[in-house]
Amino acid sequence: MPEAGWYKTRLVKGGPWAPARIWIEREIDPETGELANDERFRCEIDGMAKSAETWWLHLTPISRLEHEELLNMRASIPEMAATKAAIDLTTTIVRPT
């Protein structure tokens, strides 16, 4: 069963890490303060909605700070944004822009 938190995963073998998160969505009745429906797990990987149940076993837990750093790296290093292409940062010099 999925757990809410901050994660990372690779979308292709040898590809850069992609940020992921799982959270619980709740609908609360404003009058009673009770749950109006069952809680639902939601998952977002690389900015796209995914099935938390399907992806759960492919995610590596990380801290929220590491998740934010990963987002910043992807924004500043173009090679990191191409999450569906393999990348070897040990052979290519990559400098943030």
N, C-alpha and C. Protein backbone atom coordinates (compact mmCIF):
# COMPACT_ATOMS: atom_id res chain seq x y z
N MET A 1 0.85 -1.18 0.00
CA MET A 1 0.00 0.00 0.00
C MET A 1 0.89 1.24 0.00
N PRO A 2 0.61 2.22 -0.86
CA PRO A 2 1.44 3.43 -0.94
C PRO A 2 1.46 4.21 0.36
N GLU A 3 2.50 5.01 0.52
CA GLU A 3 2.62 5.91 1.66
C GLU A 3 2.85 7.31 1.14
N ALA A 4 2.22 8.29 1.76
CA ALA A 4 2.40 9.68 1.37
C ALA A 4 3.84 10.10 1.65
N GLY A 5 4.41 10.91 0.76
CA GLY A 5 5.77 11.39 0.97
C GLY A 5 6.39 11.92 -0.30
N TRP A 6 7.68 12.20 -0.20
CA TRP A 6 8.49 12.74 -1.30
C TRP A 6 9.38 11.62 -1.82
N TYR A 7 9.49 11.52 -3.15
CA TYR A 7 10.21 10.42 -3.77
C TYR A 7 10.95 10.89 -5.01
N LYS A 8 11.77 9.95 -5.53
CA LYS A 8 12.39 10.15 -6.84
C LYS A 8 12.36 8.81 -7.56
N THR A 9 12.42 8.86 -8.89
CA THR A 9 12.43 7.65 -9.70
C THR A 9 13.09 7.96 -11.03
N ARG A 10 13.45 6.93 -11.74
CA ARG A 10 13.96 7.09 -13.10
C ARG A 10 12.89 6.59 -14.05
N LEU A 11 12.61 7.37 -15.08
CA LEU A 11 11.58 6.98 -16.04
C LEU A 11 12.12 6.07 -17.12
N VAL A 12 13.44 6.07 -17.32
CA VAL A 12 14.11 5.14 -18.24
C VAL A 12 15.42 4.70 -17.59
N LYS A 13 15.90 3.54 -17.97
CA LYS A 13 17.17 3.04 -17.43
C LYS A 13 18.28 4.02 -17.79
N GLY A 14 19.04 4.43 -16.81
CA GLY A 14 20.13 5.36 -17.03
C GLY A 14 19.71 6.81 -17.14
N GLY A 15 18.42 7.07 -17.03
CA GLY A 15 17.91 8.44 -17.12
C GLY A 15 18.13 9.20 -15.82
N PRO A 16 17.95 10.50 -15.85
CA PRO A 16 18.11 11.29 -14.63
C PRO A 16 16.95 11.03 -13.66
N TRP A 17 17.17 11.37 -12.42
CA TRP A 17 16.11 11.23 -11.43
C TRP A 17 14.97 12.19 -11.75
N ALA A 18 13.76 11.71 -11.59
CA ALA A 18 12.56 12.54 -11.76
C ALA A 18 11.89 12.67 -10.40
N PRO A 19 11.46 13.87 -10.03
CA PRO A 19 10.80 14.06 -8.74
C PRO A 19 9.42 13.42 -8.72
N ALA A 20 9.04 12.91 -7.57
CA ALA A 20 7.73 12.28 -7.41
C ALA A 20 7.21 12.59 -6.01
N ARG A 21 5.90 12.56 -5.89
CA ARG A 21 5.29 12.72 -4.57
C ARG A 21 3.98 11.96 -4.54
N ILE A 22 3.63 11.51 -3.36
CA ILE A 22 2.35 10.83 -3.13
C ILE A 22 1.69 11.55 -1.97
N TRP A 23 0.41 11.83 -2.12
CA TRP A 23 -0.34 12.46 -1.04
C TRP A 23 -1.74 11.85 -0.99
N ILE A 24 -2.42 12.12 0.12
CA ILE A 24 -3.77 11.60 0.31
C ILE A 24 -4.75 12.74 0.08
N GLU A 25 -5.72 12.49 -0.78
CA GLU A 25 -6.75 13.49 -1.06
C GLU A 25 -7.99 13.12 -0.24
N ARG A 26 -8.48 14.12 0.47
CA ARG A 26 -9.66 13.90 1.33
C ARG A 26 -10.73 14.92 0.99
N GLU A 27 -11.96 14.47 1.01
CA GLU A 27 -13.09 15.39 0.86
C GLU A 27 -13.78 15.46 2.22
N ILE A 28 -13.73 16.63 2.83
CA ILE A 28 -14.28 16.83 4.18
C ILE A 28 -15.61 17.58 4.09
N ASP A 29 -16.61 17.08 4.80
CA ASP A 29 -17.91 17.76 4.86
C ASP A 29 -17.73 19.01 5.73
N PRO A 30 -17.98 20.21 5.17
CA PRO A 30 -17.74 21.44 5.92
C PRO A 30 -18.64 21.60 7.15
N GLU A 31 -19.81 20.98 7.14
CA GLU A 31 -20.72 21.12 8.27
C GLU A 31 -20.37 20.21 9.44
N THR A 32 -19.97 18.97 9.12
CA THR A 32 -19.69 18.00 10.19
C THR A 32 -18.19 17.82 10.46
N GLY A 33 -17.35 18.19 9.49
CA GLY A 33 -15.91 17.99 9.64
C GLY A 33 -15.49 16.54 9.43
N GLU A 34 -16.43 15.70 8.97
CA GLU A 34 -16.12 14.29 8.74
C GLU A 34 -15.83 14.04 7.28
N LEU A 35 -15.21 12.90 7.01
CA LEU A 35 -14.92 12.51 5.63
C LEU A 35 -16.22 12.33 4.86
N ALA A 36 -16.31 12.94 3.68
CA ALA A 36 -17.50 12.79 2.86
C ALA A 36 -17.37 11.58 1.93
N ASN A 37 -16.14 11.21 1.58
CA ASN A 37 -15.86 10.05 0.72
C ASN A 37 -14.61 9.36 1.23
N ASP A 38 -14.29 8.23 0.64
CA ASP A 38 -13.07 7.53 1.00
C ASP A 38 -11.85 8.37 0.64
N GLU A 39 -10.79 8.24 1.42
CA GLU A 39 -9.54 8.90 1.09
C GLU A 39 -8.95 8.23 -0.16
N ARG A 40 -8.24 9.04 -0.98
CA ARG A 40 -7.65 8.52 -2.21
C ARG A 40 -6.18 8.93 -2.27
N PHE A 41 -5.33 7.97 -2.64
CA PHE A 41 -3.93 8.29 -2.87
C PHE A 41 -3.80 8.96 -4.22
N ARG A 42 -3.00 10.01 -4.27
CA ARG A 42 -2.69 10.70 -5.52
C ARG A 42 -1.18 10.65 -5.69
N CYS A 43 -0.74 10.58 -6.94
CA CYS A 43 0.68 10.49 -7.24
C CYS A 43 1.00 11.41 -8.40
N GLU A 44 2.13 12.10 -8.28
CA GLU A 44 2.61 12.96 -9.36
C GLU A 44 4.08 12.64 -9.58
N ILE A 45 4.42 12.31 -10.82
CA ILE A 45 5.80 12.01 -11.19
C ILE A 45 6.15 12.88 -12.37
N ASP A 46 7.23 13.63 -12.23
CA ASP A 46 7.69 14.52 -13.29
C ASP A 46 6.58 15.46 -13.74
N GLY A 47 5.75 15.91 -12.79
CA GLY A 47 4.69 16.86 -13.08
C GLY A 47 3.43 16.26 -13.69
N MET A 48 3.39 14.93 -13.83
CA MET A 48 2.23 14.27 -14.44
C MET A 48 1.55 13.35 -13.43
N ALA A 49 0.23 13.30 -13.48
CA ALA A 49 -0.54 12.42 -12.60
C ALA A 49 -0.29 10.96 -13.00
N LYS A 50 -0.03 10.13 -12.00
CA LYS A 50 0.21 8.70 -12.21
C LYS A 50 -0.55 7.92 -11.15
N SER A 51 -0.63 6.63 -11.33
CA SER A 51 -1.28 5.75 -10.36
C SER A 51 -0.33 5.48 -9.20
N ALA A 52 -0.72 5.87 -7.99
CA ALA A 52 0.12 5.63 -6.82
C ALA A 52 0.33 4.14 -6.60
N GLU A 53 -0.68 3.34 -6.81
CA GLU A 53 -0.59 1.90 -6.60
C GLU A 53 0.38 1.25 -7.59
N THR A 54 0.40 1.73 -8.83
CA THR A 54 1.27 1.17 -9.86
C THR A 54 2.72 1.58 -9.64
N TRP A 55 2.96 2.83 -9.32
CA TRP A 55 4.32 3.36 -9.23
C TRP A 55 4.96 3.17 -7.87
N TRP A 56 4.19 2.86 -6.86
CA TRP A 56 4.68 2.80 -5.49
C TRP A 56 5.97 1.99 -5.34
N LEU A 57 6.07 0.85 -5.97
CA LEU A 57 7.24 -0.01 -5.81
C LEU A 57 8.46 0.48 -6.59
N HIS A 58 8.28 1.50 -7.43
CA HIS A 58 9.38 2.02 -8.25
C HIS A 58 9.93 3.34 -7.72
N LEU A 59 9.48 3.77 -6.56
CA LEU A 59 9.89 5.06 -6.02
C LEU A 59 10.90 4.89 -4.89
N THR A 60 11.84 5.83 -4.84
CA THR A 60 12.85 5.87 -3.78
C THR A 60 12.53 7.03 -2.86
N PRO A 61 12.33 6.78 -1.57
CA PRO A 61 11.98 7.88 -0.65
C PRO A 61 13.14 8.87 -0.49
N ILE A 62 12.81 10.15 -0.43
CA ILE A 62 13.78 11.22 -0.20
C ILE A 62 13.15 12.26 0.72
N SER A 63 13.96 13.19 1.18
CA SER A 63 13.44 14.27 2.02
C SER A 63 12.78 15.33 1.14
N ARG A 64 12.01 16.18 1.76
CA ARG A 64 11.38 17.27 1.02
C ARG A 64 12.44 18.21 0.45
N LEU A 65 13.51 18.43 1.22
CA LEU A 65 14.60 19.29 0.75
C LEU A 65 15.26 18.69 -0.49
N GLU A 66 15.53 17.38 -0.48
CA GLU A 66 16.12 16.73 -1.65
C GLU A 66 15.17 16.82 -2.86
N HIS A 67 13.87 16.71 -2.60
CA HIS A 67 12.87 16.83 -3.67
C HIS A 67 12.95 18.23 -4.29
N GLU A 68 13.04 19.26 -3.46
CA GLU A 68 13.13 20.63 -3.96
C GLU A 68 14.45 20.87 -4.71
N GLU A 69 15.54 20.28 -4.21
CA GLU A 69 16.83 20.40 -4.89
C GLU A 69 16.78 19.72 -6.26
N LEU A 70 16.11 18.59 -6.34
CA LEU A 70 15.96 17.89 -7.61
C LEU A 70 15.18 18.74 -8.60
N LEU A 71 14.12 19.38 -8.15
CA LEU A 71 13.35 20.28 -9.01
C LEU A 71 14.22 21.44 -9.51
N ASN A 72 15.05 22.00 -8.62
CA ASN A 72 15.93 23.10 -9.00
C ASN A 72 16.99 22.65 -10.00
N MET A 73 17.56 21.46 -9.80
CA MET A 73 18.56 20.93 -10.73
C MET A 73 17.95 20.74 -12.11
N ARG A 74 16.74 20.23 -12.15
CA ARG A 74 16.07 20.00 -13.44
C ARG A 74 15.81 21.32 -14.16
N ALA A 75 15.57 22.39 -13.39
CA ALA A 75 15.31 23.69 -13.99
C ALA A 75 16.60 24.34 -14.49
N SER A 76 17.74 24.06 -13.84
CA SER A 76 18.98 24.74 -14.20
C SER A 76 19.90 23.92 -15.11
N ILE A 77 19.71 22.61 -15.19
CA ILE A 77 20.55 21.76 -16.05
C ILE A 77 19.65 21.12 -17.11
N PRO A 78 19.73 21.59 -18.36
CA PRO A 78 18.83 21.08 -19.41
C PRO A 78 18.85 19.56 -19.55
N GLU A 79 20.01 18.93 -19.39
CA GLU A 79 20.10 17.48 -19.54
C GLU A 79 19.27 16.75 -18.48
N MET A 80 19.09 17.36 -17.32
CA MET A 80 18.30 16.74 -16.26
C MET A 80 16.80 16.80 -16.56
N ALA A 81 16.38 17.74 -17.40
CA ALA A 81 14.96 17.89 -17.72
C ALA A 81 14.49 16.82 -18.71
N ALA A 82 15.41 16.21 -19.44
CA ALA A 82 15.04 15.16 -20.41
C ALA A 82 14.95 13.83 -19.67
N THR A 83 13.85 13.63 -18.96
CA THR A 83 13.72 12.46 -18.09
C THR A 83 13.48 11.15 -18.83
N LYS A 84 13.23 11.21 -20.12
CA LYS A 84 12.99 9.98 -20.87
C LYS A 84 14.18 9.61 -21.74
N ALA A 85 15.35 10.19 -21.44
CA ALA A 85 16.58 9.88 -22.17
C ALA A 85 17.68 9.54 -21.18
N ALA A 86 18.45 8.51 -21.50
CA ALA A 86 19.56 8.14 -20.63
C ALA A 86 20.60 9.25 -20.61
N ILE A 87 21.25 9.42 -19.48
CA ILE A 87 22.27 10.46 -19.33
C ILE A 87 23.38 9.92 -18.45
N ASP A 88 24.62 10.24 -18.81
CA ASP A 88 25.77 9.85 -18.01
C ASP A 88 26.51 11.11 -17.64
N LEU A 89 26.25 11.63 -16.45
CA LEU A 89 26.86 12.88 -16.01
C LEU A 89 28.34 12.71 -15.69
N THR A 90 28.85 11.48 -15.64
CA THR A 90 30.28 11.27 -15.38
C THR A 90 31.12 11.49 -16.62
N THR A 91 30.53 11.42 -17.80
CA THR A 91 31.31 11.59 -19.04
C THR A 91 31.03 12.92 -19.71
N THR A 92 30.00 13.62 -19.30
CA THR A 92 29.65 14.88 -19.90
C THR A 92 29.76 15.98 -18.85
N ILE A 93 30.46 17.04 -19.22
CA ILE A 93 30.54 18.19 -18.30
C ILE A 93 29.26 18.99 -18.45
N VAL A 94 28.57 19.13 -17.35
CA VAL A 94 27.30 19.87 -17.36
C VAL A 94 27.42 20.99 -16.36
N ARG A 95 27.19 22.20 -16.84
CA ARG A 95 27.24 23.36 -15.96
C ARG A 95 25.86 23.99 -15.90
N PRO A 96 25.43 24.37 -14.70
CA PRO A 96 24.13 25.05 -14.58
C PRO A 96 24.14 26.35 -15.38
N THR A 97 22.99 26.70 -15.94
CA THR A 97 22.90 27.94 -16.71
C THR A 97 22.49 29.08 -15.83
